[in-house]
Amino acid sequence: MPRLPASIRPDVPGPGQESVWDYPRPPRVEPVPVRVTIRLGGQLIADTHDAVRVLETSHPPVYYLPIADFAPGSLVDAEGSSFCEFKGAARYLDVVGGGITRAQAAWNYPHPAPGYAALSDRVAVYAAAMDECTVDGEVVTPQPGGFYGGWITANVLGPYKGIPGSMGW
């Protein structure tokens, strides 16, 4: 498990809250009974009640939505790939909405590693690249740092991987 510097303490969760420091490593995939929406270019490009989230120590949840729940033409194959030690090889997608294209703003695992099969036909999106992403009507805050794709809601406490000085966590 990543270790925080002695000068940084995890936020203490209250009722109905959760700490990213209580999330597991390796990450866990879990279905969430919420409505998730994504808007880009003023257009609703995704709307689902069938999201799953990936929970990993020190990271806000990453929401994965069914590819089928994105508007036609809103996901386009893009250059690039990456590799997660747990989930396997990811491909990148451009996200298109309302005449705007956000390059490599989404990714998925077409052939995920064992234990992550639930992600194979789902896509995660960088909230910072979108006009708005919501979880049950709450507008999310993107995970800091630009590299990670977590979505922060009021019930999720940090500190979060991605803040300045967190590379060693």
N, C-alpha and C. Protein backbone atom coordinates (compact mmCIF):
# COMPACT_ATOMS: atom_id res chain seq x y z
N MET A 1 0.85 -1.18 0.00
CA MET A 1 0.00 0.00 0.00
C MET A 1 0.89 1.24 0.00
N PRO A 2 0.52 2.26 -0.78
CA PRO A 2 1.31 3.50 -0.76
C PRO A 2 1.32 4.10 0.64
N ARG A 3 2.42 4.76 0.94
CA ARG A 3 2.56 5.38 2.26
C ARG A 3 2.60 6.88 2.10
N LEU A 4 1.85 7.54 2.94
CA LEU A 4 1.85 9.00 2.97
C LEU A 4 3.07 9.50 3.75
N PRO A 5 3.61 10.67 3.36
CA PRO A 5 4.64 11.29 4.20
C PRO A 5 4.06 11.59 5.58
N ALA A 6 4.90 11.59 6.59
CA ALA A 6 4.44 11.80 7.96
C ALA A 6 3.70 13.12 8.13
N SER A 7 3.98 14.10 7.29
CA SER A 7 3.34 15.41 7.42
C SER A 7 1.93 15.46 6.85
N ILE A 8 1.51 14.41 6.17
CA ILE A 8 0.18 14.39 5.54
C ILE A 8 -0.66 13.31 6.20
N ARG A 9 -1.85 13.67 6.58
CA ARG A 9 -2.77 12.73 7.23
C ARG A 9 -4.02 12.55 6.38
N PRO A 10 -4.53 11.32 6.26
CA PRO A 10 -5.79 11.12 5.55
C PRO A 10 -6.93 11.86 6.24
N ASP A 11 -7.84 12.40 5.44
CA ASP A 11 -9.05 13.01 5.98
C ASP A 11 -9.86 11.92 6.68
N VAL A 12 -10.51 12.28 7.77
CA VAL A 12 -11.29 11.31 8.54
C VAL A 12 -12.73 11.34 8.05
N PRO A 13 -13.22 10.19 7.54
CA PRO A 13 -14.59 10.18 7.01
C PRO A 13 -15.64 10.25 8.12
N GLY A 14 -16.70 10.96 7.81
CA GLY A 14 -17.86 11.00 8.67
C GLY A 14 -18.94 10.09 8.11
N PRO A 15 -20.13 10.16 8.66
CA PRO A 15 -21.22 9.32 8.16
C PRO A 15 -21.47 9.57 6.66
N GLY A 16 -21.57 8.49 5.90
CA GLY A 16 -21.85 8.58 4.47
C GLY A 16 -20.64 8.95 3.62
N GLN A 17 -19.46 9.06 4.23
CA GLN A 17 -18.25 9.39 3.50
C GLN A 17 -17.31 8.19 3.46
N GLU A 18 -16.37 8.23 2.51
CA GLU A 18 -15.37 7.18 2.42
C GLU A 18 -14.01 7.81 2.11
N SER A 19 -12.96 7.19 2.63
CA SER A 19 -11.60 7.66 2.41
C SER A 19 -10.94 6.83 1.33
N VAL A 20 -10.23 7.50 0.42
CA VAL A 20 -9.49 6.77 -0.60
C VAL A 20 -8.39 5.92 0.03
N TRP A 21 -8.05 6.19 1.27
CA TRP A 21 -7.03 5.41 1.96
C TRP A 21 -7.58 4.11 2.53
N ASP A 22 -8.90 3.93 2.43
CA ASP A 22 -9.52 2.66 2.81
C ASP A 22 -9.79 1.79 1.58
N TYR A 23 -9.52 2.30 0.39
CA TYR A 23 -9.70 1.52 -0.84
C TYR A 23 -8.57 0.49 -0.95
N PRO A 24 -8.82 -0.61 -1.65
CA PRO A 24 -7.83 -1.70 -1.71
C PRO A 24 -6.75 -1.49 -2.77
N ARG A 25 -5.72 -2.28 -2.66
CA ARG A 25 -4.69 -2.42 -3.68
C ARG A 25 -4.32 -3.89 -3.67
N PRO A 26 -4.51 -4.64 -4.73
CA PRO A 26 -4.95 -4.20 -6.06
C PRO A 26 -6.39 -3.66 -6.03
N PRO A 27 -6.72 -2.89 -7.08
CA PRO A 27 -8.03 -2.23 -7.12
C PRO A 27 -9.19 -3.22 -7.20
N ARG A 28 -10.35 -2.72 -6.77
CA ARG A 28 -11.60 -3.49 -6.81
C ARG A 28 -12.56 -2.82 -7.79
N VAL A 29 -13.30 -3.64 -8.54
CA VAL A 29 -14.36 -3.15 -9.43
C VAL A 29 -15.68 -3.44 -8.75
N GLU A 30 -16.56 -2.42 -8.71
CA GLU A 30 -17.87 -2.64 -8.11
C GLU A 30 -18.94 -1.88 -8.87
N PRO A 31 -20.11 -2.51 -9.04
CA PRO A 31 -21.23 -1.78 -9.66
C PRO A 31 -21.73 -0.71 -8.69
N VAL A 32 -22.25 0.37 -9.25
CA VAL A 32 -22.79 1.44 -8.41
C VAL A 32 -24.20 1.78 -8.89
N PRO A 33 -25.16 1.81 -7.98
CA PRO A 33 -26.55 2.07 -8.35
C PRO A 33 -26.84 3.57 -8.43
N VAL A 34 -26.18 4.24 -9.39
CA VAL A 34 -26.31 5.69 -9.54
C VAL A 34 -26.50 6.03 -11.01
N ARG A 35 -26.95 7.25 -11.27
CA ARG A 35 -27.01 7.76 -12.64
C ARG A 35 -25.73 8.55 -12.89
N VAL A 36 -25.08 8.27 -14.00
CA VAL A 36 -23.85 8.96 -14.39
C VAL A 36 -24.09 9.61 -15.75
N THR A 37 -23.73 10.89 -15.86
CA THR A 37 -23.88 11.59 -17.13
C THR A 37 -22.57 12.30 -17.49
N ILE A 38 -22.39 12.49 -18.80
CA ILE A 38 -21.23 13.22 -19.32
C ILE A 38 -21.71 14.15 -20.41
N ARG A 39 -21.25 15.41 -20.34
CA ARG A 39 -21.58 16.43 -21.35
C ARG A 39 -20.30 16.99 -21.95
N LEU A 40 -20.35 17.20 -23.27
CA LEU A 40 -19.24 17.83 -23.98
C LEU A 40 -19.82 18.67 -25.11
N GLY A 41 -19.32 19.89 -25.25
CA GLY A 41 -19.81 20.78 -26.31
C GLY A 41 -21.29 21.08 -26.16
N GLY A 42 -21.77 21.09 -24.91
CA GLY A 42 -23.18 21.35 -24.66
C GLY A 42 -24.09 20.16 -24.94
N GLN A 43 -23.52 19.04 -25.32
CA GLN A 43 -24.30 17.85 -25.70
C GLN A 43 -24.16 16.76 -24.64
N LEU A 44 -25.27 16.11 -24.32
CA LEU A 44 -25.24 14.95 -23.44
C LEU A 44 -24.71 13.78 -24.27
N ILE A 45 -23.49 13.31 -23.96
CA ILE A 45 -22.89 12.24 -24.76
C ILE A 45 -22.96 10.88 -24.09
N ALA A 46 -23.27 10.84 -22.78
CA ALA A 46 -23.42 9.57 -22.08
C ALA A 46 -24.39 9.76 -20.92
N ASP A 47 -25.22 8.74 -20.73
CA ASP A 47 -26.22 8.76 -19.66
C ASP A 47 -26.51 7.31 -19.32
N THR A 48 -26.19 6.91 -18.10
CA THR A 48 -26.36 5.50 -17.74
C THR A 48 -26.72 5.32 -16.27
N HIS A 49 -27.36 4.22 -16.00
CA HIS A 49 -27.58 3.73 -14.63
C HIS A 49 -26.82 2.41 -14.45
N ASP A 50 -25.87 2.15 -15.37
CA ASP A 50 -25.14 0.88 -15.40
C ASP A 50 -23.63 1.11 -15.30
N ALA A 51 -23.20 1.97 -14.41
CA ALA A 51 -21.77 2.24 -14.24
C ALA A 51 -21.16 1.27 -13.24
N VAL A 52 -19.86 1.08 -13.39
CA VAL A 52 -19.06 0.44 -12.35
C VAL A 52 -17.96 1.42 -11.99
N ARG A 53 -17.42 1.26 -10.80
CA ARG A 53 -16.30 2.11 -10.43
C ARG A 53 -15.15 1.24 -9.97
N VAL A 54 -13.94 1.73 -10.22
CA VAL A 54 -12.73 1.06 -9.78
C VAL A 54 -12.19 1.85 -8.59
N LEU A 55 -11.97 1.14 -7.51
CA LEU A 55 -11.47 1.75 -6.27
C LEU A 55 -10.05 1.26 -6.03
N GLU A 56 -9.13 2.20 -5.87
CA GLU A 56 -7.72 1.87 -5.63
C GLU A 56 -7.15 2.83 -4.60
N THR A 57 -6.37 2.30 -3.68
CA THR A 57 -5.76 3.09 -2.62
C THR A 57 -5.19 4.39 -3.15
N SER A 58 -5.56 5.48 -2.52
CA SER A 58 -5.09 6.84 -2.75
C SER A 58 -5.71 7.54 -3.95
N HIS A 59 -6.58 6.85 -4.69
CA HIS A 59 -7.21 7.43 -5.88
C HIS A 59 -8.72 7.59 -5.69
N PRO A 60 -9.30 8.70 -6.16
CA PRO A 60 -10.76 8.78 -6.20
C PRO A 60 -11.28 7.71 -7.17
N PRO A 61 -12.54 7.31 -7.04
CA PRO A 61 -13.08 6.29 -7.94
C PRO A 61 -12.99 6.70 -9.41
N VAL A 62 -12.71 5.70 -10.25
CA VAL A 62 -12.77 5.88 -11.70
C VAL A 62 -14.05 5.18 -12.16
N TYR A 63 -14.92 5.94 -12.83
CA TYR A 63 -16.19 5.41 -13.30
C TYR A 63 -16.06 4.91 -14.74
N TYR A 64 -16.55 3.70 -14.97
CA TYR A 64 -16.55 3.09 -16.31
C TYR A 64 -18.00 2.90 -16.73
N LEU A 65 -18.33 3.44 -17.90
CA LEU A 65 -19.69 3.39 -18.44
C LEU A 65 -19.73 2.45 -19.64
N PRO A 66 -20.86 1.79 -19.87
CA PRO A 66 -20.96 0.92 -21.04
C PRO A 66 -20.76 1.73 -22.33
N ILE A 67 -19.98 1.18 -23.23
CA ILE A 67 -19.77 1.82 -24.54
C ILE A 67 -21.12 2.10 -25.19
N ALA A 68 -22.06 1.17 -25.05
CA ALA A 68 -23.37 1.31 -25.68
C ALA A 68 -24.17 2.49 -25.15
N ASP A 69 -23.81 3.04 -23.99
CA ASP A 69 -24.54 4.16 -23.41
C ASP A 69 -23.96 5.52 -23.80
N PHE A 70 -22.99 5.53 -24.70
CA PHE A 70 -22.47 6.78 -25.27
C PHE A 70 -23.22 7.08 -26.56
N ALA A 71 -23.41 8.35 -26.85
CA ALA A 71 -24.07 8.76 -28.09
C ALA A 71 -23.27 8.25 -29.28
N PRO A 72 -23.96 7.84 -30.35
CA PRO A 72 -23.25 7.39 -31.55
C PRO A 72 -22.26 8.46 -32.03
N GLY A 73 -21.05 8.02 -32.35
CA GLY A 73 -20.03 8.93 -32.86
C GLY A 73 -19.27 9.70 -31.80
N SER A 74 -19.61 9.52 -30.53
CA SER A 74 -18.94 10.30 -29.49
C SER A 74 -17.62 9.68 -29.03
N LEU A 75 -17.36 8.45 -29.40
CA LEU A 75 -16.09 7.79 -29.07
C LEU A 75 -15.41 7.37 -30.37
N VAL A 76 -14.17 7.81 -30.56
CA VAL A 76 -13.43 7.53 -31.77
C VAL A 76 -12.06 6.97 -31.39
N ASP A 77 -11.66 5.88 -32.03
CA ASP A 77 -10.34 5.31 -31.75
C ASP A 77 -9.26 6.39 -31.88
N ALA A 78 -8.30 6.36 -30.98
CA ALA A 78 -7.22 7.35 -30.97
C ALA A 78 -5.87 6.66 -30.91
N GLU A 79 -4.84 7.42 -31.17
CA GLU A 79 -3.47 6.93 -31.03
C GLU A 79 -3.17 6.71 -29.55
N GLY A 80 -2.25 5.81 -29.30
CA GLY A 80 -1.74 5.65 -27.95
C GLY A 80 -2.33 4.49 -27.19
N SER A 81 -1.58 4.06 -26.21
CA SER A 81 -2.00 3.00 -25.31
C SER A 81 -1.20 3.14 -24.03
N SER A 82 -1.61 2.42 -23.01
CA SER A 82 -0.88 2.39 -21.75
C SER A 82 -1.08 1.01 -21.13
N PHE A 83 -0.38 0.76 -20.05
CA PHE A 83 -0.48 -0.53 -19.40
C PHE A 83 -0.61 -0.33 -17.90
N CYS A 84 -1.61 -0.98 -17.33
CA CYS A 84 -1.82 -0.98 -15.87
C CYS A 84 -1.37 -2.34 -15.35
N GLU A 85 -0.59 -2.32 -14.29
CA GLU A 85 -0.11 -3.58 -13.73
C GLU A 85 -1.24 -4.50 -13.27
N PHE A 86 -2.41 -3.96 -13.03
CA PHE A 86 -3.54 -4.77 -12.57
C PHE A 86 -4.54 -5.06 -13.68
N LYS A 87 -4.92 -4.03 -14.43
CA LYS A 87 -6.01 -4.17 -15.41
C LYS A 87 -5.54 -4.58 -16.79
N GLY A 88 -4.27 -4.37 -17.11
CA GLY A 88 -3.73 -4.78 -18.41
C GLY A 88 -3.57 -3.61 -19.37
N ALA A 89 -3.65 -3.93 -20.69
CA ALA A 89 -3.41 -2.93 -21.75
C ALA A 89 -4.67 -2.12 -22.02
N ALA A 90 -4.49 -0.80 -22.03
CA ALA A 90 -5.60 0.13 -22.31
C ALA A 90 -5.40 0.76 -23.67
N ARG A 91 -6.52 1.04 -24.32
CA ARG A 91 -6.48 1.83 -25.57
C ARG A 91 -7.12 3.18 -25.26
N TYR A 92 -6.75 4.19 -26.06
CA TYR A 92 -7.30 5.52 -25.87
C TYR A 92 -8.34 5.84 -26.93
N LEU A 93 -9.24 6.74 -26.56
CA LEU A 93 -10.31 7.17 -27.45
C LEU A 93 -10.41 8.69 -27.41
N ASP A 94 -10.70 9.28 -28.55
CA ASP A 94 -11.07 10.69 -28.58
C ASP A 94 -12.55 10.76 -28.22
N VAL A 95 -12.93 11.84 -27.56
CA VAL A 95 -14.34 12.05 -27.20
C VAL A 95 -14.85 13.25 -28.00
N VAL A 96 -16.02 13.07 -28.63
CA VAL A 96 -16.59 14.08 -29.52
C VAL A 96 -18.00 14.43 -29.04
N GLY A 97 -18.27 15.73 -28.96
CA GLY A 97 -19.61 16.18 -28.59
C GLY A 97 -19.81 17.64 -28.93
N GLY A 98 -20.93 17.97 -29.53
CA GLY A 98 -21.26 19.36 -29.83
C GLY A 98 -20.23 20.06 -30.68
N GLY A 99 -19.61 19.32 -31.59
CA GLY A 99 -18.62 19.91 -32.48
C GLY A 99 -17.23 20.05 -31.87
N ILE A 100 -17.02 19.54 -30.67
CA ILE A 100 -15.73 19.59 -29.99
C ILE A 100 -15.14 18.19 -29.91
N THR A 101 -13.84 18.09 -30.14
CA THR A 101 -13.13 16.82 -29.98
C THR A 101 -12.08 16.98 -28.90
N ARG A 102 -12.09 16.08 -27.95
CA ARG A 102 -11.06 16.05 -26.90
C ARG A 102 -10.21 14.80 -27.15
N ALA A 103 -8.97 15.04 -27.58
CA ALA A 103 -8.07 13.95 -27.93
C ALA A 103 -7.69 13.12 -26.71
N GLN A 104 -7.74 11.81 -26.88
CA GLN A 104 -7.33 10.85 -25.85
C GLN A 104 -7.96 11.14 -24.49
N ALA A 105 -9.21 11.54 -24.49
CA ALA A 105 -9.89 11.90 -23.24
C ALA A 105 -10.63 10.73 -22.60
N ALA A 106 -10.53 9.55 -23.21
CA ALA A 106 -11.19 8.36 -22.67
C ALA A 106 -10.31 7.15 -22.94
N TRP A 107 -10.56 6.08 -22.20
CA TRP A 107 -9.81 4.85 -22.39
C TRP A 107 -10.66 3.66 -21.99
N ASN A 108 -10.27 2.49 -22.51
CA ASN A 108 -10.88 1.26 -22.04
C ASN A 108 -9.89 0.11 -22.15
N TYR A 109 -10.28 -1.00 -21.57
CA TYR A 109 -9.48 -2.22 -21.55
C TYR A 109 -10.24 -3.27 -22.35
N PRO A 110 -10.00 -3.38 -23.67
CA PRO A 110 -10.75 -4.33 -24.49
C PRO A 110 -10.56 -5.78 -24.07
N HIS A 111 -9.37 -6.10 -23.55
CA HIS A 111 -9.05 -7.46 -23.10
C HIS A 111 -8.37 -7.36 -21.73
N PRO A 112 -9.16 -7.03 -20.70
CA PRO A 112 -8.56 -6.79 -19.39
C PRO A 112 -7.97 -8.05 -18.76
N ALA A 113 -7.11 -7.84 -17.81
CA ALA A 113 -6.50 -8.92 -17.05
C ALA A 113 -7.56 -9.66 -16.23
N PRO A 114 -7.27 -10.90 -15.84
CA PRO A 114 -8.22 -11.65 -14.99
C PRO A 114 -8.62 -10.83 -13.76
N GLY A 115 -9.90 -10.89 -13.45
CA GLY A 115 -10.46 -10.16 -12.33
C GLY A 115 -11.06 -8.81 -12.72
N TYR A 116 -10.83 -8.39 -13.98
CA TYR A 116 -11.31 -7.09 -14.43
C TYR A 116 -12.17 -7.21 -15.69
N ALA A 117 -12.74 -8.38 -15.92
CA ALA A 117 -13.55 -8.62 -17.12
C ALA A 117 -14.71 -7.63 -17.24
N ALA A 118 -15.21 -7.12 -16.12
CA ALA A 118 -16.34 -6.18 -16.14
C ALA A 118 -16.00 -4.89 -16.88
N LEU A 119 -14.71 -4.63 -17.14
CA LEU A 119 -14.30 -3.39 -17.81
C LEU A 119 -14.22 -3.51 -19.33
N SER A 120 -14.33 -4.72 -19.87
CA SER A 120 -14.03 -4.95 -21.29
C SER A 120 -14.89 -4.14 -22.26
N ASP A 121 -16.14 -3.91 -21.95
CA ASP A 121 -17.02 -3.15 -22.86
C ASP A 121 -17.45 -1.83 -22.24
N ARG A 122 -16.56 -1.28 -21.43
CA ARG A 122 -16.83 -0.02 -20.73
C ARG A 122 -15.71 0.98 -21.00
N VAL A 123 -16.05 2.25 -20.83
CA VAL A 123 -15.11 3.35 -21.08
C VAL A 123 -15.06 4.27 -19.87
N ALA A 124 -13.85 4.72 -19.54
CA ALA A 124 -13.66 5.76 -18.53
C ALA A 124 -13.26 7.04 -19.24
N VAL A 125 -13.64 8.18 -18.65
CA VAL A 125 -13.42 9.49 -19.27
C VAL A 125 -12.74 10.41 -18.26
N TYR A 126 -11.78 11.19 -18.75
CA TYR A 126 -11.16 12.23 -17.92
C TYR A 126 -12.17 13.36 -17.73
N ALA A 127 -12.62 13.55 -16.51
CA ALA A 127 -13.63 14.58 -16.23
C ALA A 127 -13.13 15.98 -16.59
N ALA A 128 -11.85 16.24 -16.42
CA ALA A 128 -11.31 17.57 -16.70
C ALA A 128 -11.45 17.97 -18.16
N ALA A 129 -11.53 16.99 -19.05
CA ALA A 129 -11.64 17.27 -20.49
C ALA A 129 -13.08 17.49 -20.94
N MET A 130 -14.03 17.23 -20.07
CA MET A 130 -15.45 17.34 -20.42
C MET A 130 -16.02 18.65 -19.89
N ASP A 131 -17.18 19.03 -20.41
CA ASP A 131 -17.90 20.18 -19.86
C ASP A 131 -18.38 19.87 -18.45
N GLU A 132 -18.90 18.65 -18.29
CA GLU A 132 -19.48 18.27 -17.00
C GLU A 132 -19.65 16.77 -16.94
N CYS A 133 -19.29 16.20 -15.79
CA CYS A 133 -19.57 14.80 -15.48
C CYS A 133 -20.32 14.81 -14.15
N THR A 134 -21.37 14.00 -14.06
CA THR A 134 -22.14 13.95 -12.82
C THR A 134 -22.33 12.53 -12.33
N VAL A 135 -22.45 12.41 -11.02
CA VAL A 135 -22.80 11.17 -10.35
C VAL A 135 -24.03 11.48 -9.51
N ASP A 136 -25.15 10.90 -9.88
CA ASP A 136 -26.44 11.17 -9.21
C ASP A 136 -26.72 12.66 -9.09
N GLY A 137 -26.42 13.41 -10.14
CA GLY A 137 -26.72 14.83 -10.20
C GLY A 137 -25.63 15.73 -9.64
N GLU A 138 -24.67 15.18 -8.93
CA GLU A 138 -23.56 15.97 -8.38
C GLU A 138 -22.47 16.11 -9.43
N VAL A 139 -22.07 17.34 -9.70
CA VAL A 139 -20.97 17.59 -10.64
C VAL A 139 -19.68 17.16 -9.95
N VAL A 140 -18.89 16.32 -10.64
CA VAL A 140 -17.66 15.81 -10.05
C VAL A 140 -16.51 16.80 -10.25
N THR A 141 -15.51 16.66 -9.40
CA THR A 141 -14.25 17.38 -9.53
C THR A 141 -13.23 16.37 -10.04
N PRO A 142 -12.46 16.73 -11.07
CA PRO A 142 -11.45 15.79 -11.58
C PRO A 142 -10.34 15.54 -10.57
N GLN A 143 -9.81 14.33 -10.59
CA GLN A 143 -8.64 14.02 -9.78
C GLN A 143 -7.51 14.95 -10.17
N PRO A 144 -6.79 15.49 -9.19
CA PRO A 144 -5.71 16.43 -9.53
C PRO A 144 -4.57 15.74 -10.28
N GLY A 145 -3.80 16.54 -10.97
CA GLY A 145 -2.59 16.07 -11.59
C GLY A 145 -2.65 15.81 -13.08
N GLY A 146 -3.83 15.64 -13.64
CA GLY A 146 -3.96 15.48 -15.08
C GLY A 146 -3.68 14.09 -15.61
N PHE A 147 -2.96 13.24 -14.90
CA PHE A 147 -2.64 11.91 -15.40
C PHE A 147 -3.71 10.89 -15.03
N TYR A 148 -4.29 11.04 -13.87
CA TYR A 148 -5.23 10.05 -13.35
C TYR A 148 -6.66 10.44 -13.68
N GLY A 149 -7.55 9.47 -13.73
CA GLY A 149 -8.91 9.72 -14.18
C GLY A 149 -9.98 9.60 -13.12
N GLY A 150 -9.64 9.78 -11.85
CA GLY A 150 -10.64 9.66 -10.80
C GLY A 150 -11.61 10.82 -10.78
N TRP A 151 -12.80 10.54 -10.26
CA TRP A 151 -13.85 11.54 -10.12
C TRP A 151 -14.10 11.75 -8.63
N ILE A 152 -13.99 12.98 -8.18
CA ILE A 152 -14.18 13.30 -6.77
C ILE A 152 -15.59 13.84 -6.55
N THR A 153 -16.29 13.22 -5.60
CA THR A 153 -17.60 13.69 -5.17
C THR A 153 -17.49 14.06 -3.68
N ALA A 154 -18.52 14.71 -3.15
CA ALA A 154 -18.49 15.22 -1.78
C ALA A 154 -18.26 14.13 -0.74
N ASN A 155 -18.64 12.89 -1.05
CA ASN A 155 -18.51 11.82 -0.06
C ASN A 155 -17.17 11.09 -0.11
N VAL A 156 -16.26 11.50 -1.02
CA VAL A 156 -14.96 10.84 -1.16
C VAL A 156 -13.87 11.77 -0.65
N LEU A 157 -13.12 11.29 0.34
CA LEU A 157 -12.10 12.11 0.99
C LEU A 157 -10.69 11.66 0.65
N GLY A 158 -9.75 12.58 0.70
CA GLY A 158 -8.35 12.33 0.35
C GLY A 158 -7.45 12.36 1.56
N PRO A 159 -6.23 12.81 1.33
CA PRO A 159 -5.69 13.44 0.13
C PRO A 159 -5.56 12.43 -1.01
N TYR A 160 -5.54 12.97 -2.24
CA TYR A 160 -5.59 12.15 -3.45
C TYR A 160 -4.25 12.10 -4.16
N LYS A 161 -3.94 10.94 -4.70
CA LYS A 161 -2.79 10.82 -5.60
C LYS A 161 -2.99 11.82 -6.73
N GLY A 162 -1.92 12.52 -7.10
CA GLY A 162 -2.00 13.54 -8.14
C GLY A 162 -1.73 14.93 -7.62
N ILE A 163 -1.89 15.14 -6.30
CA ILE A 163 -1.58 16.45 -5.74
C ILE A 163 -0.06 16.65 -5.77
N PRO A 164 0.44 17.86 -5.74
CA PRO A 164 1.88 18.08 -5.73
C PRO A 164 2.56 17.28 -4.61
N GLY A 165 3.66 16.62 -4.96
CA GLY A 165 4.41 15.84 -3.99
C GLY A 165 3.94 14.41 -3.81
N SER A 166 2.94 13.96 -4.58
CA SER A 166 2.37 12.62 -4.37
C SER A 166 2.97 11.54 -5.26
N MET A 167 3.95 11.86 -6.09
CA MET A 167 4.49 10.85 -7.00
C MET A 167 5.04 9.62 -6.27
N GLY A 168 5.54 9.77 -5.07
CA GLY A 168 6.11 8.64 -4.35
C GLY A 168 5.13 7.82 -3.54
N TRP A 169 3.87 8.17 -3.57
CA TRP A 169 2.87 7.45 -2.77
C TRP A 169 2.57 6.11 -3.38
